[in-house]
Amino acid sequence: MAYDKNDAGQVYGKFIPTIWSSALEKELEKNLVFGVNTTREYEGEVKKIGDTVKILGTNAPTIYSLARENAGGSINPAEEIGGYEQLLHVHQIRYFHYKISKIDKAQSIKGLMERHATDTGYQLADAVDQYLASIHVPDADNLNKKADELAQIEKVEATDFSKDTVLSYLDDAVQIAREHNIPTGKKMTATMTPKAYRALKDAYQHVSEIGLNNEVLEKGQVGKYSNLVIKMSNNTYVDDEGVEHIQIKTDDAIAYVHGMTETFAYEPQDAFTDAVKGFILFDAKVVRPKEIIILEATHA
C-alpha cells in the first residue's frame, strides 16, 4: 500500500491525525473519574512540554460591622487584600504505539478504527486518573508535588475502616471541610475503591438511603452521603502499606491541564503492517489544599 507522507513520515492516506486525535480526546474525557472533579480553566495556556501555567488566587476581604448610629459616618480605608500565585509545571506524557494490520483496510471495516479509538482513549483516561489519584502524595522529582506545599492537606486516619466505622470517618472529613469554611452548598466528592464502597453500602440496611438510583450524573458516581457525592474507582491510590487514600475534595482543589493529543500513522520498515502511535501531554497540582481531605483507610 502506497501512502503520501510528509517529511516527518506521518501517513496521510485515509488516516487523518486531527480526526483521530479528536476521537481519542472524546473517549478520554468520557472515561475520566478523578479528572471530572478538577478545575480546567488554565488548559488553553499549554502548548508544549515544560510550559508553566501561572495560577492566580485572591485573598478574602475583611467584613466590617457598621453601627446604625454611624451609618452616615466614615468607614475604614480600602483594604489591600492582595493575592497569590502558584506555578503548575506541565511535564506528564503518556503514549501508545501499536500495529494495525492495514490502516486503509481497517478504516474500511465499519466500527473497527472507532473501537481502537475507544480502547485507546479508555486506557489513556485510566493513566490520567492514576496520576490524579496520587496528586496529593509528595514526590521529590515532581515540581507539582512538593512536600512543603502538600503538608497543608489534612488527613483522617481510618485504621479500622469497616461498615461499623465508615460513616463516622466520613463525618470526620466533612467536619474538617466545614471547619475550613467550605460552604455546605459547595459540591464535594469522595472517591473510593470498590472495597471501601462495599463497606459504606453495608453500613445501611437499605441501599436507597445513600441515594443509589439510575440517575448517574457523572462517571463513577454511585451515591451520596452527608452532601458528599460518592464515587468509585479502581484507580484510588493505595500506598505500599495497603492504605487506601480516599480523596474528599471540591472541584477547585486540583487544577488539571490537558495540553495536547497527537497521533501519527506510519508504515514500519520491518513489518508488512501499519502502525499508530500518539501521546497526550498533561499535568495537575493541588492548588487549594484546604479543600481536599485525605481519608487514609485501612480495612479492619
C-alpha atoms as a PDB file:
ATOM      1  CA  MET A   1       0.000   0.000   0.000  1.00  0.00           C
ATOM      2  CA  ALA A   2       1.440   3.377  -1.015  1.00  0.00           C
ATOM      3  CA  TYR A   3       0.910   6.386   1.230  1.00  0.00           C
ATOM      4  CA  ASP A   4       1.528  10.076   0.857  1.00  0.00           C
ATOM      5  CA  LYS A   5       3.991  11.116   3.552  1.00  0.00           C
ATOM      6  CA  ASN A   6       5.351  14.408   4.741  1.00  0.00           C
ATOM      7  CA  ASP A   7       8.960  14.983   5.811  1.00  0.00           C
ATOM      8  CA  ALA A   8       8.288  13.587   9.279  1.00  0.00           C
ATOM      9  CA  GLY A   9       6.911  10.358   7.847  1.00  0.00           C
ATOM     10  CA  GLN A  10       3.308  10.669   9.021  1.00  0.00           C
ATOM     11  CA  VAL A  11       0.768   8.843   6.925  1.00  0.00           C
ATOM     12  CA  TYR A  12      -1.869  10.995   5.268  1.00  0.00           C
ATOM     13  CA  GLY A  13      -3.618   8.366   3.169  1.00  0.00           C
ATOM     14  CA  LYS A  14      -7.058   7.815   4.620  1.00  0.00           C
ATOM     15  CA  PHE A  15      -5.817   8.390   8.165  1.00  0.00           C
ATOM     16  CA  ILE A  16      -6.462  11.963   9.326  1.00  0.00           C
ATOM     17  CA  PRO A  17      -4.489  12.607  12.549  1.00  0.00           C
ATOM     18  CA  THR A  18      -6.620  15.542  13.714  1.00  0.00           C
ATOM     19  CA  ILE A  19      -9.819  13.495  13.478  1.00  0.00           C
ATOM     20  CA  TRP A  20      -8.308  10.519  15.313  1.00  0.00           C
ATOM     21  CA  SER A  21      -6.815  12.787  17.987  1.00  0.00           C
ATOM     22  CA  SER A  22     -10.230  14.338  18.461  1.00  0.00           C
ATOM     23  CA  ALA A  23     -11.810  10.895  18.797  1.00  0.00           C
ATOM     24  CA  LEU A  24      -9.218   9.883  21.398  1.00  0.00           C
ATOM     25  CA  GLU A  25      -9.800  13.056  23.408  1.00  0.00           C
ATOM     26  CA  LYS A  26     -13.539  12.441  23.347  1.00  0.00           C
ATOM     27  CA  GLU A  27     -13.104   8.903  24.693  1.00  0.00           C
ATOM     28  CA  LEU A  28     -10.538  10.044  27.251  1.00  0.00           C
ATOM     29  CA  GLU A  29     -12.827  12.744  28.642  1.00  0.00           C
ATOM     30  CA  LYS A  30     -15.791  10.366  28.701  1.00  0.00           C
ATOM     31  CA  ASN A  31     -13.937   7.854  30.864  1.00  0.00           C
ATOM     32  CA  LEU A  32     -12.255  10.121  33.415  1.00  0.00           C
ATOM     33  CA  VAL A  33     -13.369   9.708  37.039  1.00  0.00           C
ATOM     34  CA  PHE A  34     -10.876  11.732  39.088  1.00  0.00           C
ATOM     35  CA  GLY A  35     -10.401  14.182  36.226  1.00  0.00           C
ATOM     36  CA  VAL A  36     -14.054  15.191  36.252  1.00  0.00           C
ATOM     37  CA  ASN A  37     -13.736  16.807  39.672  1.00  0.00           C
ATOM     38  CA  THR A  38     -10.949  19.278  38.909  1.00  0.00           C
ATOM     39  CA  THR A  39     -10.692  22.832  37.655  1.00  0.00           C
ATOM     40  CA  ARG A  40      -9.738  23.037  33.966  1.00  0.00           C
ATOM     41  CA  GLU A  41      -9.715  26.813  33.460  1.00  0.00           C
ATOM     42  CA  TYR A  42      -5.976  27.033  32.684  1.00  0.00           C
ATOM     43  CA  GLU A  43      -5.830  24.468  29.882  1.00  0.00           C
ATOM     44  CA  GLY A  44      -5.567  26.806  26.917  1.00  0.00           C
ATOM     45  CA  GLU A  45      -2.196  28.135  28.071  1.00  0.00           C
ATOM     46  CA  VAL A  46      -0.302  24.866  27.424  1.00  0.00           C
ATOM     47  CA  LYS A  47       1.452  24.493  24.070  1.00  0.00           C
ATOM     48  CA  LYS A  48       4.435  22.211  24.742  1.00  0.00           C
ATOM     49  CA  ILE A  49       6.141  20.102  27.387  1.00  0.00           C
ATOM     50  CA  GLY A  50       7.856  22.220  30.002  1.00  0.00           C
ATOM     51  CA  ASP A  51       5.309  25.026  29.810  1.00  0.00           C
ATOM     52  CA  THR A  52       4.490  26.667  33.122  1.00  0.00           C
ATOM     53  CA  VAL A  53       0.952  27.750  33.928  1.00  0.00           C
ATOM     54  CA  LYS A  54       0.577  30.623  36.379  1.00  0.00           C
ATOM     55  CA  ILE A  55      -2.420  30.125  38.644  1.00  0.00           C
ATOM     56  CA  LEU A  56      -3.616  33.300  40.322  1.00  0.00           C
ATOM     57  CA  GLY A  57      -5.635  33.378  43.516  1.00  0.00           C
ATOM     58  CA  THR A  58      -7.244  36.070  45.635  1.00  0.00           C
ATOM     59  CA  ASN A  59      -7.395  36.575  49.376  1.00  0.00           C
ATOM     60  CA  ALA A  60     -10.728  37.028  51.122  1.00  0.00           C
ATOM     61  CA  PRO A  61     -11.638  40.587  52.223  1.00  0.00           C
ATOM     62  CA  THR A  62     -12.419  41.569  55.797  1.00  0.00           C
ATOM     63  CA  ILE A  63     -16.120  42.151  56.516  1.00  0.00           C
ATOM     64  CA  TYR A  64     -16.790  45.031  58.885  1.00  0.00           C
ATOM     65  CA  SER A  65     -19.773  45.990  61.015  1.00  0.00           C
ATOM     66  CA  LEU A  66     -21.275  49.461  60.837  1.00  0.00           C
ATOM     67  CA  ALA A  67     -23.469  50.577  63.718  1.00  0.00           C
ATOM     68  CA  ARG A  68     -26.769  52.185  62.809  1.00  0.00           C
ATOM     69  CA  GLU A  69     -25.875  55.421  64.574  1.00  0.00           C
ATOM     70  CA  ASN A  70     -22.719  55.697  62.450  1.00  0.00           C
ATOM     71  CA  ALA A  71     -24.412  54.933  59.143  1.00  0.00           C
ATOM     72  CA  GLY A  72     -23.639  58.408  57.825  1.00  0.00           C
ATOM     73  CA  GLY A  73     -20.098  58.494  59.137  1.00  0.00           C
ATOM     74  CA  SER A  74     -16.747  57.402  57.797  1.00  0.00           C
ATOM     75  CA  ILE A  75     -15.738  53.814  57.069  1.00  0.00           C
ATOM     76  CA  ASN A  76     -12.395  52.060  57.174  1.00  0.00           C
ATOM     77  CA  PRO A  77      -9.935  52.846  54.386  1.00  0.00           C
ATOM     78  CA  ALA A  78      -9.722  50.464  51.433  1.00  0.00           C
ATOM     79  CA  GLU A  79      -8.042  47.224  52.397  1.00  0.00           C
ATOM     80  CA  GLU A  80      -5.069  45.850  50.495  1.00  0.00           C
ATOM     81  CA  ILE A  81      -6.185  42.227  50.155  1.00  0.00           C
ATOM     82  CA  GLY A  82      -3.541  41.264  47.617  1.00  0.00           C
ATOM     83  CA  GLY A  83      -3.411  37.809  46.067  1.00  0.00           C
ATOM     84  CA  TYR A  84      -1.129  34.897  45.405  1.00  0.00           C
ATOM     85  CA  GLU A  85       0.160  32.839  42.523  1.00  0.00           C
ATOM     86  CA  GLN A  86       1.170  29.237  42.024  1.00  0.00           C
ATOM     87  CA  LEU A  87       3.046  27.602  39.183  1.00  0.00           C
ATOM     88  CA  LEU A  88       1.849  24.404  37.528  1.00  0.00           C
ATOM     89  CA  HIS A  89       4.640  22.730  35.553  1.00  0.00           C
ATOM     90  CA  VAL A  90       3.472  20.614  32.611  1.00  0.00           C
ATOM     91  CA  HIS A  91       5.666  17.531  32.202  1.00  0.00           C
ATOM     92  CA  GLN A  92       3.462  14.425  32.133  1.00  0.00           C
ATOM     93  CA  ILE A  93       3.386  12.405  28.905  1.00  0.00           C
ATOM     94  CA  ARG A  94       1.598   9.119  28.306  1.00  0.00           C
ATOM     95  CA  TYR A  95       1.909   7.442  24.910  1.00  0.00           C
ATOM     96  CA  PHE A  96       0.753   4.437  22.898  1.00  0.00           C
ATOM     97  CA  HIS A  97       2.270   2.614  19.938  1.00  0.00           C
ATOM     98  CA  TYR A  98       0.749  -0.440  18.289  1.00  0.00           C
ATOM     99  CA  LYS A  99       0.406  -2.194  14.960  1.00  0.00           C
ATOM    100  CA  ILE A 100      -2.745  -2.329  12.861  1.00  0.00           C
ATOM    101  CA  SER A 101      -2.939  -4.842  10.028  1.00  0.00           C
ATOM    102  CA  LYS A 102      -3.517  -2.226   7.335  1.00  0.00           C
ATOM    103  CA  ILE A 103      -4.951   1.153   8.239  1.00  0.00           C
ATOM    104  CA  ASP A 104      -6.821   1.695   4.978  1.00  0.00           C
ATOM    105  CA  LYS A 105      -8.338  -1.774   5.279  1.00  0.00           C
ATOM    106  CA  ALA A 106      -9.137  -1.263   8.951  1.00  0.00           C
ATOM    107  CA  GLN A 107     -10.871   2.025   8.162  1.00  0.00           C
ATOM    108  CA  SER A 108     -12.988   0.266   5.544  1.00  0.00           C
ATOM    109  CA  ILE A 109     -14.343  -2.125   8.201  1.00  0.00           C
ATOM    110  CA  LYS A 110     -17.210  -0.350   9.874  1.00  0.00           C
ATOM    111  CA  GLY A 111     -16.521   0.467  13.504  1.00  0.00           C
ATOM    112  CA  LEU A 112     -13.027  -1.082  13.709  1.00  0.00           C
ATOM    113  CA  MET A 113     -10.999   2.126  13.969  1.00  0.00           C
ATOM    114  CA  GLU A 114     -13.656   3.530  16.297  1.00  0.00           C
ATOM    115  CA  ARG A 115     -13.109   0.548  18.604  1.00  0.00           C
ATOM    116  CA  HIS A 116      -9.366   1.202  18.532  1.00  0.00           C
ATOM    117  CA  ALA A 117     -10.042   4.822  19.487  1.00  0.00           C
ATOM    118  CA  THR A 118     -12.420   3.748  22.263  1.00  0.00           C
ATOM    119  CA  ASP A 119      -9.972   1.262  23.749  1.00  0.00           C
ATOM    120  CA  THR A 120      -7.021   3.656  23.499  1.00  0.00           C
ATOM    121  CA  GLY A 121      -8.988   6.568  24.947  1.00  0.00           C
ATOM    122  CA  TYR A 122     -10.083   4.414  27.873  1.00  0.00           C
ATOM    123  CA  GLN A 123      -6.508   3.372  28.650  1.00  0.00           C
ATOM    124  CA  LEU A 124      -5.313   6.980  28.439  1.00  0.00           C
ATOM    125  CA  ALA A 125      -8.078   8.065  30.830  1.00  0.00           C
ATOM    126  CA  ASP A 126      -7.016   5.289  33.186  1.00  0.00           C
ATOM    127  CA  ALA A 127      -3.426   6.583  33.150  1.00  0.00           C
ATOM    128  CA  VAL A 128      -4.507  10.179  33.816  1.00  0.00           C
ATOM    129  CA  ASP A 129      -6.797   9.102  36.664  1.00  0.00           C
ATOM    130  CA  GLN A 130      -3.971   7.117  38.280  1.00  0.00           C
ATOM    131  CA  TYR A 131      -1.853  10.264  38.292  1.00  0.00           C
ATOM    132  CA  LEU A 132      -4.647  12.447  39.677  1.00  0.00           C
ATOM    133  CA  ALA A 133      -5.488   9.894  42.371  1.00  0.00           C
ATOM    134  CA  SER A 134      -1.974  10.299  43.818  1.00  0.00           C
ATOM    135  CA  ILE A 135      -1.528  14.032  43.177  1.00  0.00           C
ATOM    136  CA  HIS A 136      -1.584  14.649  46.952  1.00  0.00           C
ATOM    137  CA  VAL A 137       1.394  12.329  47.560  1.00  0.00           C
ATOM    138  CA  PRO A 138       4.755  14.174  47.773  1.00  0.00           C
ATOM    139  CA  ASP A 139       7.345  13.356  45.123  1.00  0.00           C
ATOM    140  CA  ALA A 140      10.788  14.951  45.222  1.00  0.00           C
ATOM    141  CA  ASP A 141      11.133  14.519  41.432  1.00  0.00           C
ATOM    142  CA  ASN A 142       7.859  16.286  40.622  1.00  0.00           C
ATOM    143  CA  LEU A 143       7.715  20.090  40.855  1.00  0.00           C
ATOM    144  CA  ASN A 144       3.933  19.935  41.292  1.00  0.00           C
ATOM    145  CA  LYS A 145       4.125  17.620  44.317  1.00  0.00           C
ATOM    146  CA  LYS A 146       6.388  19.442  46.748  1.00  0.00           C
ATOM    147  CA  ALA A 147       6.197  18.104  50.283  1.00  0.00           C
ATOM    148  CA  ASP A 148       6.016  21.514  51.959  1.00  0.00           C
ATOM    149  CA  GLU A 149       3.009  22.551  49.867  1.00  0.00           C
ATOM    150  CA  LEU A 150       1.169  19.253  50.283  1.00  0.00           C
ATOM    151  CA  ALA A 151       1.791  19.248  54.039  1.00  0.00           C
ATOM    152  CA  GLN A 152      -1.170  21.623  54.371  1.00  0.00           C
ATOM    153  CA  ILE A 153      -3.590  18.836  53.398  1.00  0.00           C
ATOM    154  CA  GLU A 154      -5.378  17.390  56.419  1.00  0.00           C
ATOM    155  CA  LYS A 155      -5.768  13.648  56.815  1.00  0.00           C
ATOM    156  CA  VAL A 156      -8.212  11.365  58.608  1.00  0.00           C
ATOM    157  CA  GLU A 157      -6.570   8.132  59.762  1.00  0.00           C
ATOM    158  CA  ALA A 158      -9.160   5.367  59.453  1.00  0.00           C
ATOM    159  CA  THR A 159      -7.205   2.488  60.984  1.00  0.00           C
ATOM    160  CA  ASP A 160     -10.250   0.225  61.365  1.00  0.00           C
ATOM    161  CA  PHE A 161     -12.263   1.083  58.263  1.00  0.00           C
ATOM    162  CA  SER A 162     -15.371  -1.105  58.096  1.00  0.00           C
ATOM    163  CA  LYS A 163     -19.139  -0.963  57.794  1.00  0.00           C
ATOM    164  CA  ASP A 164     -19.233  -0.105  61.510  1.00  0.00           C
ATOM    165  CA  THR A 165     -16.897   2.891  61.249  1.00  0.00           C
ATOM    166  CA  VAL A 166     -17.110   4.213  57.687  1.00  0.00           C
ATOM    167  CA  LEU A 167     -19.864   6.757  58.359  1.00  0.00           C
ATOM    168  CA  SER A 168     -18.050   8.178  61.374  1.00  0.00           C
ATOM    169  CA  TYR A 169     -14.859   8.630  59.345  1.00  0.00           C
ATOM    170  CA  LEU A 170     -16.726  10.341  56.519  1.00  0.00           C
ATOM    171  CA  ASP A 171     -18.359  12.605  59.096  1.00  0.00           C
ATOM    172  CA  ASP A 172     -14.895  13.479  60.437  1.00  0.00           C
ATOM    173  CA  ALA A 173     -13.803  14.514  56.946  1.00  0.00           C
ATOM    174  CA  VAL A 174     -16.939  16.585  56.392  1.00  0.00           C
ATOM    175  CA  GLN A 175     -16.381  18.288  59.740  1.00  0.00           C
ATOM    176  CA  ILE A 176     -12.853  19.279  58.672  1.00  0.00           C
ATOM    177  CA  ALA A 177     -14.255  20.664  55.430  1.00  0.00           C
ATOM    178  CA  ARG A 178     -16.782  22.813  57.304  1.00  0.00           C
ATOM    179  CA  GLU A 179     -14.080  23.997  59.721  1.00  0.00           C
ATOM    180  CA  HIS A 180     -12.145  25.110  56.638  1.00  0.00           C
ATOM    181  CA  ASN A 181     -15.172  27.244  55.743  1.00  0.00           C
ATOM    182  CA  ILE A 182     -16.103  25.217  52.671  1.00  0.00           C
ATOM    183  CA  PRO A 183     -19.780  26.152  52.198  1.00  0.00           C
ATOM    184  CA  THR A 184     -22.323  23.380  52.690  1.00  0.00           C
ATOM    185  CA  GLY A 185     -23.687  24.135  49.235  1.00  0.00           C
ATOM    186  CA  LYS A 186     -20.347  23.609  47.501  1.00  0.00           C
ATOM    187  CA  LYS A 187     -20.067  20.252  45.803  1.00  0.00           C
ATOM    188  CA  MET A 188     -17.638  17.752  47.323  1.00  0.00           C
ATOM    189  CA  THR A 189     -16.792  14.255  46.145  1.00  0.00           C
ATOM    190  CA  ALA A 190     -15.407  11.221  47.954  1.00  0.00           C
ATOM    191  CA  THR A 191     -13.751   8.774  45.559  1.00  0.00           C
ATOM    192  CA  MET A 192     -13.029   5.322  46.944  1.00  0.00           C
ATOM    193  CA  THR A 193     -12.207   1.742  45.981  1.00  0.00           C
ATOM    194  CA  PRO A 194     -14.981  -0.822  45.388  1.00  0.00           C
ATOM    195  CA  LYS A 195     -13.992  -2.451  48.695  1.00  0.00           C
ATOM    196  CA  ALA A 196     -14.429   0.802  50.609  1.00  0.00           C
ATOM    197  CA  TYR A 197     -17.723   1.454  48.850  1.00  0.00           C
ATOM    198  CA  ARG A 198     -18.914  -2.021  49.846  1.00  0.00           C
ATOM    199  CA  ALA A 199     -18.278  -1.102  53.487  1.00  0.00           C
ATOM    200  CA  LEU A 200     -20.289   2.089  53.024  1.00  0.00           C
ATOM    201  CA  LYS A 201     -23.155   0.247  51.386  1.00  0.00           C
ATOM    202  CA  ASP A 202     -23.132  -2.436  54.091  1.00  0.00           C
ATOM    203  CA  ALA A 203     -23.471   0.302  56.711  1.00  0.00           C
ATOM    204  CA  TYR A 204     -27.089   0.637  55.580  1.00  0.00           C
ATOM    205  CA  GLN A 205     -29.966  -1.802  55.689  1.00  0.00           C
ATOM    206  CA  HIS A 206     -31.477  -0.182  52.605  1.00  0.00           C
ATOM    207  CA  VAL A 207     -29.189   0.982  49.815  1.00  0.00           C
ATOM    208  CA  SER A 208     -31.710   3.654  48.834  1.00  0.00           C
ATOM    209  CA  GLU A 209     -30.724   5.565  51.962  1.00  0.00           C
ATOM    210  CA  ILE A 210     -27.438   6.643  50.358  1.00  0.00           C
ATOM    211  CA  GLY A 211     -29.114   7.830  47.200  1.00  0.00           C
ATOM    212  CA  LEU A 212     -28.449   4.910  44.892  1.00  0.00           C
ATOM    213  CA  ASN A 213     -30.534   5.155  41.756  1.00  0.00           C
ATOM    214  CA  ASN A 214     -30.248   5.035  37.996  1.00  0.00           C
ATOM    215  CA  GLU A 215     -29.613   8.758  37.676  1.00  0.00           C
ATOM    216  CA  VAL A 216     -25.823   8.685  37.452  1.00  0.00           C
ATOM    217  CA  LEU A 217     -24.740  12.274  36.887  1.00  0.00           C
ATOM    218  CA  GLU A 218     -21.090  11.664  36.066  1.00  0.00           C
ATOM    219  CA  LYS A 219     -18.611   8.858  35.545  1.00  0.00           C
ATOM    220  CA  GLY A 220     -18.046   6.758  38.637  1.00  0.00           C
ATOM    221  CA  GLN A 221     -20.829   8.236  40.768  1.00  0.00           C
ATOM    222  CA  VAL A 222     -22.640   5.643  42.860  1.00  0.00           C
ATOM    223  CA  GLY A 223     -24.446   7.576  45.576  1.00  0.00           C
ATOM    224  CA  LYS A 224     -24.472  10.394  48.113  1.00  0.00           C
ATOM    225  CA  TYR A 225     -23.872  10.728  51.837  1.00  0.00           C
ATOM    226  CA  SER A 226     -23.888  13.850  54.031  1.00  0.00           C
ATOM    227  CA  ASN A 227     -23.734  16.135  50.967  1.00  0.00           C
ATOM    228  CA  LEU A 228     -20.802  14.122  49.587  1.00  0.00           C
ATOM    229  CA  VAL A 229     -21.040  12.705  46.082  1.00  0.00           C
ATOM    230  CA  ILE A 230     -19.764   9.145  46.445  1.00  0.00           C
ATOM    231  CA  LYS A 231     -17.666   7.870  43.546  1.00  0.00           C
ATOM    232  CA  MET A 232     -15.923   4.572  42.984  1.00  0.00           C
ATOM    233  CA  SER A 233     -12.697   3.903  41.097  1.00  0.00           C
ATOM    234  CA  ASN A 234     -10.109   1.137  40.942  1.00  0.00           C
ATOM    235  CA  ASN A 235      -7.551   3.912  40.479  1.00  0.00           C
ATOM    236  CA  THR A 236      -7.936   5.146  44.051  1.00  0.00           C
ATOM    237  CA  TYR A 237      -4.376   5.429  45.330  1.00  0.00           C
ATOM    238  CA  VAL A 238      -3.214   2.594  47.599  1.00  0.00           C
ATOM    239  CA  ASP A 239       0.214   3.031  49.200  1.00  0.00           C
ATOM    240  CA  ASP A 240       2.869   0.368  49.810  1.00  0.00           C
ATOM    241  CA  GLU A 241       1.337  -0.434  53.202  1.00  0.00           C
ATOM    242  CA  GLY A 242      -2.044  -1.180  51.633  1.00  0.00           C
ATOM    243  CA  VAL A 243      -3.646   2.023  52.945  1.00  0.00           C
ATOM    244  CA  GLU A 244      -6.326   3.404  50.613  1.00  0.00           C
ATOM    245  CA  HIS A 245      -6.251   7.160  50.089  1.00  0.00           C
ATOM    246  CA  ILE A 246      -9.835   8.346  49.648  1.00  0.00           C
ATOM    247  CA  GLN A 247      -9.833  11.858  48.192  1.00  0.00           C
ATOM    248  CA  ILE A 248     -12.592  14.039  49.620  1.00  0.00           C
ATOM    249  CA  LYS A 249     -12.476  17.348  47.803  1.00  0.00           C
ATOM    250  CA  THR A 250     -14.160  20.206  45.996  1.00  0.00           C
ATOM    251  CA  ASP A 251     -13.804  20.616  42.238  1.00  0.00           C
ATOM    252  CA  ASP A 252     -11.494  23.608  42.883  1.00  0.00           C
ATOM    253  CA  ALA A 253      -8.918  21.711  44.951  1.00  0.00           C
ATOM    254  CA  ILE A 254      -6.936  20.323  41.989  1.00  0.00           C
ATOM    255  CA  ALA A 255      -6.017  22.120  38.770  1.00  0.00           C
ATOM    256  CA  TYR A 256      -5.712  19.775  35.793  1.00  0.00           C
ATOM    257  CA  VAL A 257      -4.487  20.765  32.348  1.00  0.00           C
ATOM    258  CA  HIS A 258      -4.627  18.617  29.222  1.00  0.00           C
ATOM    259  CA  GLY A 259      -2.228  20.305  26.866  1.00  0.00           C
ATOM    260  CA  MET A 260      -2.462  18.294  23.683  1.00  0.00           C
ATOM    261  CA  THR A 261      -3.197  14.993  21.993  1.00  0.00           C
ATOM    262  CA  GLU A 262      -1.130  13.968  18.981  1.00  0.00           C
ATOM    263  CA  THR A 263      -1.444  10.866  16.789  1.00  0.00           C
ATOM    264  CA  PHE A 264       0.589   9.559  13.873  1.00  0.00           C
ATOM    265  CA  ALA A 265       0.226   6.659  11.474  1.00  0.00           C
ATOM    266  CA  TYR A 266       3.127   5.137   9.561  1.00  0.00           C
ATOM    267  CA  GLU A 267       4.443   2.042   7.824  1.00  0.00           C
ATOM    268  CA  PRO A 268       7.192   0.286   9.846  1.00  0.00           C
ATOM    269  CA  GLN A 269      10.167  -0.733   7.743  1.00  0.00           C
ATOM    270  CA  ASP A 270      10.479  -4.153   9.360  1.00  0.00           C
ATOM    271  CA  ALA A 271       6.888  -5.349   9.056  1.00  0.00           C
ATOM    272  CA  PHE A 272       4.159  -5.940   6.476  1.00  0.00           C
ATOM    273  CA  THR A 273       1.752  -3.863   8.504  1.00  0.00           C
ATOM    274  CA  ASP A 274       0.915  -0.329   9.554  1.00  0.00           C
ATOM    275  CA  ALA A 275       1.174   1.229  12.997  1.00  0.00           C
ATOM    276  CA  VAL A 276      -0.329   4.032  15.026  1.00  0.00           C
ATOM    277  CA  LYS A 277       1.389   5.978  17.766  1.00  0.00           C
ATOM    278  CA  GLY A 278       0.486   9.001  19.796  1.00  0.00           C
ATOM    279  CA  PHE A 279       0.754  10.805  23.096  1.00  0.00           C
ATOM    280  CA  ILE A 280      -1.022  13.131  25.472  1.00  0.00           C
ATOM    281  CA  LEU A 281       0.571  15.995  27.405  1.00  0.00           C
ATOM    282  CA  PHE A 282      -0.956  16.922  30.753  1.00  0.00           C
ATOM    283  CA  ASP A 283      -0.295  17.706  34.389  1.00  0.00           C
ATOM    284  CA  ALA A 284      -2.023  18.669  37.624  1.00  0.00           C
ATOM    285  CA  LYS A 285      -1.460  20.236  41.023  1.00  0.00           C
ATOM    286  CA  VAL A 286      -3.269  20.682  44.329  1.00  0.00           C
ATOM    287  CA  VAL A 287      -3.952  24.423  44.299  1.00  0.00           C
ATOM    288  CA  ARG A 288      -6.375  24.650  47.243  1.00  0.00           C
ATOM    289  CA  PRO A 289      -5.018  22.312  49.920  1.00  0.00           C
ATOM    290  CA  LYS A 290      -7.709  23.385  52.389  1.00  0.00           C
ATOM    291  CA  GLU A 291     -10.353  21.998  50.017  1.00  0.00           C
ATOM    292  CA  ILE A 292      -9.074  18.426  49.939  1.00  0.00           C
ATOM    293  CA  ILE A 293      -9.044  15.927  52.801  1.00  0.00           C
ATOM    294  CA  ILE A 294      -7.432  12.502  52.543  1.00  0.00           C
ATOM    295  CA  LEU A 295      -9.181   9.668  54.361  1.00  0.00           C
ATOM    296  CA  GLU A 296      -6.478   7.019  54.867  1.00  0.00           C
ATOM    297  CA  ALA A 297      -8.427   3.780  55.108  1.00  0.00           C
ATOM    298  CA  THR A 298      -7.021   0.554  56.496  1.00  0.00           C
ATOM    299  CA  HIS A 299      -9.650  -2.149  56.339  1.00  0.00           C
ATOM    300  CA  ALA A 300     -10.401  -3.885  59.631  1.00  0.00           C
END
